[in-house]
Amino acid sequence: MNGKVALVTGGSRGIGAATALRLARGGADVAITYVAGKDAAEEVVRRIEAAGRRGLALRAYSGDAAEAAEAVARTADALGGLDILINNAGVGVLGPLENIAVTDVDRVLGVNVRGTYLTSRAAAARMGSGSRIITIGTCMPQRVPGPGGTLCAMSKTALTGLTKAPPGFAGRYPQARELGGRGITANIVHPGPIDTDMNPADGPYAEPQKADTALGRFGAPDEVASTVAYLAGDEAAYVTGAEFSVDGGHAA
């Protein structure tokens, strides 16, 4: 990835931060977006720069069309183009269907689905052959082990449909096919339970999540980032429209 430019949405912590740093270690200049974690985002940039690459922290709300497009434009203008987009920004609201407020439905779909679509659209307009779009999904669309995850599962399932079409869809034309003729690949990575601030491995809901995996443990953000880095690199040039599970066997 030497000399490539990457944008990681929601890159101030967790999987996003680990991915941004992994791409920087691979030779990419990396911009990240954040909403509230300015100090954390600036620390990620410092670590990117310590790896010898250029870093940029941009405050941008992915659910807003203007802010999503501006983040892409500012990245390309400041760093000299855009080769890799990591759609990582996401929110989750858990609870029974009847208890989730409409405002929460709008927020989850706005960030997870609308924001990912808008950012991808803006990025694709700036990308050339050899570019990569990698979206972070979740293990929930493949298997929701208990009640309360319907909204999250629905929003992340839409991201699979954005990237690739379901089997048997006649005339399917998802992102991977639409952009493939331009030499741009599009793939999706599904993490399982990952040890982050949002979902710590020692948190109150950790034990049931561990039990739902074949390996009986949480994953680390770097374990997801390594798969993302592979898809962003030259070795994955012939991989597109694919799903990758990094879930400890959650869907096994």
Protein backbone atom coordinates (compact mmCIF):
# COMPACT_ATOMS: atom_id res chain seq x y z
CA MET A 1 0.00 0.00 0.00
CA ASN A 2 3.00 2.31 -0.34
CA GLY A 3 1.86 5.74 -1.48
CA LYS A 4 -1.85 4.90 -1.33
CA VAL A 5 -4.39 7.19 0.36
CA ALA A 6 -7.03 5.71 2.65
CA LEU A 7 -10.09 7.07 4.43
CA VAL A 8 -11.41 5.20 7.47
CA THR A 9 -14.77 6.41 8.74
CA GLY A 10 -15.21 6.18 12.48
CA GLY A 11 -11.47 5.73 12.86
CA SER A 12 -10.89 7.22 16.30
CA ARG A 13 -11.24 3.98 18.26
CA GLY A 14 -11.85 0.25 18.15
CA ILE A 15 -11.78 -1.52 14.79
CA GLY A 16 -11.52 1.78 12.93
CA ALA A 17 -8.42 2.92 14.81
CA ALA A 18 -6.76 -0.48 14.51
CA THR A 19 -7.46 -0.49 10.77
CA ALA A 20 -6.13 3.03 10.26
CA LEU A 21 -2.88 2.13 12.02
CA ARG A 22 -2.56 -1.15 10.14
CA LEU A 23 -2.93 0.64 6.81
CA ALA A 24 -0.36 3.24 7.85
CA ARG A 25 2.11 0.51 8.78
CA GLY A 26 1.49 -0.92 5.30
CA GLY A 27 2.56 2.36 3.70
CA ALA A 28 -0.70 4.28 3.26
CA ASP A 29 -1.46 7.86 4.20
CA VAL A 30 -4.65 7.72 6.25
CA ALA A 31 -7.50 10.10 7.03
CA ILE A 32 -10.04 9.20 9.69
CA THR A 33 -13.41 10.64 10.59
CA TYR A 34 -14.90 11.05 14.04
CA VAL A 35 -17.94 12.68 15.60
CA ALA A 36 -17.24 13.16 19.32
CA GLY A 37 -13.80 11.68 20.03
CA LYS A 38 -11.53 14.52 18.92
CA ASP A 39 -8.72 13.72 21.38
CA ALA A 40 -8.80 10.03 20.47
CA ALA A 41 -8.80 10.87 16.75
CA GLU A 42 -5.80 13.17 17.15
CA GLU A 43 -3.96 10.43 19.04
CA VAL A 44 -4.57 8.03 16.14
CA VAL A 45 -3.16 10.65 13.76
CA ARG A 46 -0.07 11.02 15.95
CA ARG A 47 0.46 7.27 15.77
CA ILE A 48 -0.01 7.30 11.98
CA GLU A 49 2.62 10.01 11.71
CA ALA A 50 4.92 8.08 14.05
CA ALA A 51 4.73 5.26 11.48
CA GLY A 52 6.13 7.67 8.91
CA ARG A 53 2.89 8.38 7.07
CA ARG A 54 0.61 11.40 6.75
CA GLY A 55 -2.51 11.43 8.91
CA LEU A 56 -5.65 13.56 8.96
CA ALA A 57 -8.54 13.71 11.45
CA LEU A 58 -11.85 15.04 10.12
CA ARG A 59 -14.98 15.68 12.12
CA ALA A 60 -17.80 14.30 9.98
CA TYR A 61 -21.17 12.69 10.66
CA SER A 62 -21.60 9.86 8.17
CA GLY A 63 -25.38 10.12 8.18
CA ASP A 64 -25.25 13.62 6.70
CA ALA A 65 -24.88 13.72 2.91
CA ALA A 66 -22.91 16.97 2.86
CA GLU A 67 -20.53 15.93 5.63
CA ALA A 68 -19.91 12.50 4.08
CA ALA A 69 -19.06 14.06 0.72
CA GLU A 70 -16.93 16.75 2.35
CA ALA A 71 -14.87 14.15 4.25
CA VAL A 72 -14.08 12.40 0.98
CA ALA A 73 -13.23 15.66 -0.77
CA ARG A 74 -11.03 16.93 2.06
CA THR A 75 -9.17 13.63 2.20
CA ALA A 76 -8.49 13.61 -1.53
CA ASP A 77 -7.51 17.28 -1.62
CA ALA A 78 -5.22 17.14 1.40
CA LEU A 79 -3.55 13.80 0.72
CA GLY A 80 -3.52 13.80 -3.06
CA GLY A 81 -6.29 11.38 -4.04
CA LEU A 82 -8.23 8.45 -2.62
CA ASP A 83 -7.44 4.78 -3.19
CA ILE A 84 -8.98 2.98 -0.23
CA LEU A 85 -12.27 3.58 1.58
CA ILE A 86 -13.06 1.73 4.80
CA ASN A 87 -16.73 2.13 5.70
CA ASN A 88 -16.38 1.52 9.42
CA ALA A 89 -18.59 4.15 11.09
CA GLY A 90 -21.65 2.59 12.65
CA VAL A 91 -24.06 2.74 15.55
CA GLY A 92 -26.17 0.09 17.23
CA VAL A 93 -29.31 0.14 19.32
CA LEU A 94 -30.44 -3.10 20.94
CA GLY A 95 -33.86 -3.88 22.36
CA PRO A 96 -37.28 -5.37 21.62
CA LEU A 97 -38.99 -4.09 18.50
CA GLU A 98 -41.75 -2.37 20.44
CA ASN A 99 -39.31 -0.51 22.69
CA ILE A 100 -37.05 1.08 20.08
CA ALA A 101 -37.91 4.71 19.34
CA VAL A 102 -38.41 5.86 15.78
CA THR A 103 -35.60 8.37 16.30
CA ASP A 104 -33.26 5.45 17.05
CA VAL A 105 -34.41 3.63 13.91
CA ASP A 106 -33.68 6.73 11.86
CA ARG A 107 -30.26 7.20 13.48
CA VAL A 108 -29.14 3.59 12.99
CA LEU A 109 -30.30 3.43 9.38
CA GLY A 110 -28.97 6.93 8.73
CA VAL A 111 -25.43 6.10 9.80
CA ASN A 112 -25.15 2.39 8.99
CA VAL A 113 -26.95 2.35 5.65
CA ARG A 114 -27.43 5.85 4.27
CA GLY A 115 -24.04 7.05 5.47
CA THR A 116 -22.22 4.06 4.01
CA TYR A 117 -23.98 4.48 0.68
CA LEU A 118 -23.31 8.22 0.50
CA THR A 119 -19.66 7.89 1.47
CA SER A 120 -19.14 5.09 -1.04
CA ARG A 121 -20.79 7.14 -3.76
CA ALA A 122 -18.62 10.16 -3.06
CA ALA A 123 -15.47 8.04 -2.85
CA ALA A 124 -16.16 6.15 -6.09
CA ALA A 125 -16.30 9.46 -7.96
CA ARG A 126 -12.71 10.14 -6.85
CA MET A 127 -11.28 6.65 -7.31
CA GLY A 128 -9.33 5.11 -10.15
CA SER A 129 -8.48 1.57 -11.20
CA GLY A 130 -7.00 -0.52 -8.39
CA SER A 131 -8.98 1.23 -5.68
CA ARG A 132 -10.73 -0.57 -2.84
CA ILE A 133 -14.01 -0.12 -0.96
CA ILE A 134 -14.21 -2.27 2.17
CA THR A 135 -17.25 -2.18 4.42
CA ILE A 136 -17.38 -3.36 8.02
CA GLY A 137 -20.53 -5.35 8.67
CA THR A 138 -21.31 -7.65 11.59
CA CYS A 139 -21.91 -11.31 12.29
CA MET A 140 -25.57 -10.57 13.10
CA PRO A 141 -26.97 -10.86 9.55
CA GLN A 142 -25.69 -14.44 9.48
CA ARG A 143 -26.88 -15.44 12.93
CA VAL A 144 -28.72 -13.47 15.62
CA PRO A 145 -28.59 -15.73 18.69
CA GLY A 146 -31.10 -13.87 20.84
CA PRO A 147 -33.80 -11.19 20.84
CA GLY A 148 -33.06 -7.48 20.66
CA GLY A 149 -30.78 -7.37 17.64
CA THR A 150 -33.32 -6.92 14.86
CA LEU A 151 -32.56 -3.28 14.06
CA CYS A 152 -28.81 -3.77 14.03
CA ALA A 153 -29.09 -6.95 11.96
CA MET A 154 -31.39 -5.23 9.46
CA SER A 155 -29.06 -2.26 8.99
CA LYS A 156 -25.95 -4.39 8.53
CA THR A 157 -27.70 -6.86 6.23
CA ALA A 158 -28.35 -3.94 3.90
CA LEU A 159 -24.58 -3.46 3.64
CA THR A 160 -24.19 -6.96 2.27
CA GLY A 161 -26.80 -6.10 -0.37
CA LEU A 162 -24.87 -2.95 -1.19
CA THR A 163 -21.67 -4.94 -1.72
CA LYS A 164 -22.99 -8.11 -3.38
CA ALA A 165 -26.34 -9.49 -4.48
CA PRO A 166 -28.07 -12.46 -2.84
CA PRO A 167 -27.72 -15.80 -4.66
CA GLY A 168 -30.17 -16.27 -7.51
CA PHE A 169 -30.86 -12.58 -8.10
CA ALA A 170 -31.35 -12.25 -11.86
CA GLY A 171 -29.83 -9.10 -13.30
CA ARG A 172 -28.09 -8.31 -10.02
CA TYR A 173 -25.91 -5.24 -10.08
CA PRO A 174 -24.52 -4.40 -6.65
CA GLN A 175 -21.52 -2.20 -5.92
CA ALA A 176 -18.96 -4.87 -6.77
CA ARG A 177 -20.37 -5.29 -10.29
CA GLU A 178 -21.14 -1.63 -10.85
CA LEU A 179 -17.56 -0.61 -10.04
CA GLY A 180 -15.76 -3.72 -11.28
CA GLY A 181 -15.51 -2.42 -14.83
CA ARG A 182 -13.49 0.48 -13.49
CA GLY A 183 -11.10 -1.82 -11.66
CA ILE A 184 -12.49 -0.96 -8.21
CA THR A 185 -13.15 -3.82 -5.80
CA ALA A 186 -15.85 -3.88 -3.11
CA ASN A 187 -15.92 -6.37 -0.23
CA ILE A 188 -17.45 -6.68 3.23
CA VAL A 189 -15.93 -7.94 6.50
CA HIS A 190 -18.17 -9.33 9.25
CA PRO A 191 -16.64 -9.09 12.75
CA GLY A 192 -17.96 -11.16 15.60
CA PRO A 193 -17.69 -10.05 19.25
CA ILE A 194 -14.65 -7.76 19.31
CA ASP A 195 -13.05 -6.32 22.45
CA THR A 196 -13.67 -2.57 22.09
CA ASP A 197 -14.87 0.32 24.24
CA MET A 198 -18.38 -0.24 22.91
CA ASN A 199 -18.37 -3.97 23.67
CA PRO A 200 -15.61 -4.89 26.16
CA ALA A 201 -14.58 -8.51 26.64
CA ASP A 202 -15.13 -8.11 30.39
CA GLY A 203 -18.47 -6.31 30.07
CA PRO A 204 -21.83 -7.43 31.49
CA TYR A 205 -22.91 -9.07 28.22
CA ALA A 206 -19.60 -10.69 27.36
CA GLU A 207 -20.09 -14.26 28.56
CA PRO A 208 -23.12 -15.08 26.37
CA GLN A 209 -21.28 -13.62 23.36
CA LYS A 210 -18.22 -15.76 24.05
CA ALA A 211 -20.45 -18.82 24.33
CA ASP A 212 -21.92 -18.06 20.91
CA THR A 213 -18.50 -18.41 19.24
CA ALA A 214 -16.74 -21.65 18.38
CA LEU A 215 -13.49 -20.33 19.88
CA GLY A 216 -15.08 -19.19 23.12
CA ARG A 217 -13.48 -15.74 23.19
CA PHE A 218 -13.70 -12.19 21.95
CA GLY A 219 -11.58 -11.12 19.01
CA ALA A 220 -9.12 -8.23 19.02
CA PRO A 221 -9.49 -5.17 16.75
CA ASP A 222 -6.15 -6.03 15.11
CA GLU A 223 -7.56 -9.40 14.02
CA VAL A 224 -10.22 -7.60 12.00
CA ALA A 225 -7.76 -5.00 10.78
CA SER A 226 -5.47 -7.69 9.35
CA THR A 227 -8.26 -8.97 7.10
CA VAL A 228 -9.12 -5.44 6.01
CA ALA A 229 -5.46 -4.77 5.22
CA TYR A 230 -5.30 -7.89 3.07
CA LEU A 231 -8.33 -6.74 1.06
CA ALA A 232 -6.81 -3.28 0.70
CA GLY A 233 -3.52 -4.61 -0.65
CA ASP A 234 -2.32 -5.83 -4.02
CA GLU A 235 -2.70 -9.51 -3.13
CA ALA A 236 -6.49 -9.13 -3.11
CA ALA A 237 -6.71 -7.51 -6.55
CA TYR A 238 -8.92 -10.37 -7.83
CA VAL A 239 -11.23 -10.43 -4.79
CA THR A 240 -14.49 -8.52 -5.08
CA GLY A 241 -18.11 -9.00 -4.09
CA ALA A 242 -16.98 -11.23 -1.23
CA GLU A 243 -17.89 -11.62 2.44
CA PHE A 244 -15.23 -12.36 5.05
CA SER A 245 -16.18 -13.48 8.55
CA VAL A 246 -13.79 -12.65 11.39
CA ASP A 247 -16.10 -13.91 14.09
CA GLY A 248 -14.46 -16.76 16.01
CA GLY A 249 -16.93 -19.19 14.48
CA HIS A 250 -20.05 -17.26 15.49
CA ALA A 251 -21.73 -18.31 12.27
CA ALA A 252 -20.26 -21.84 12.23
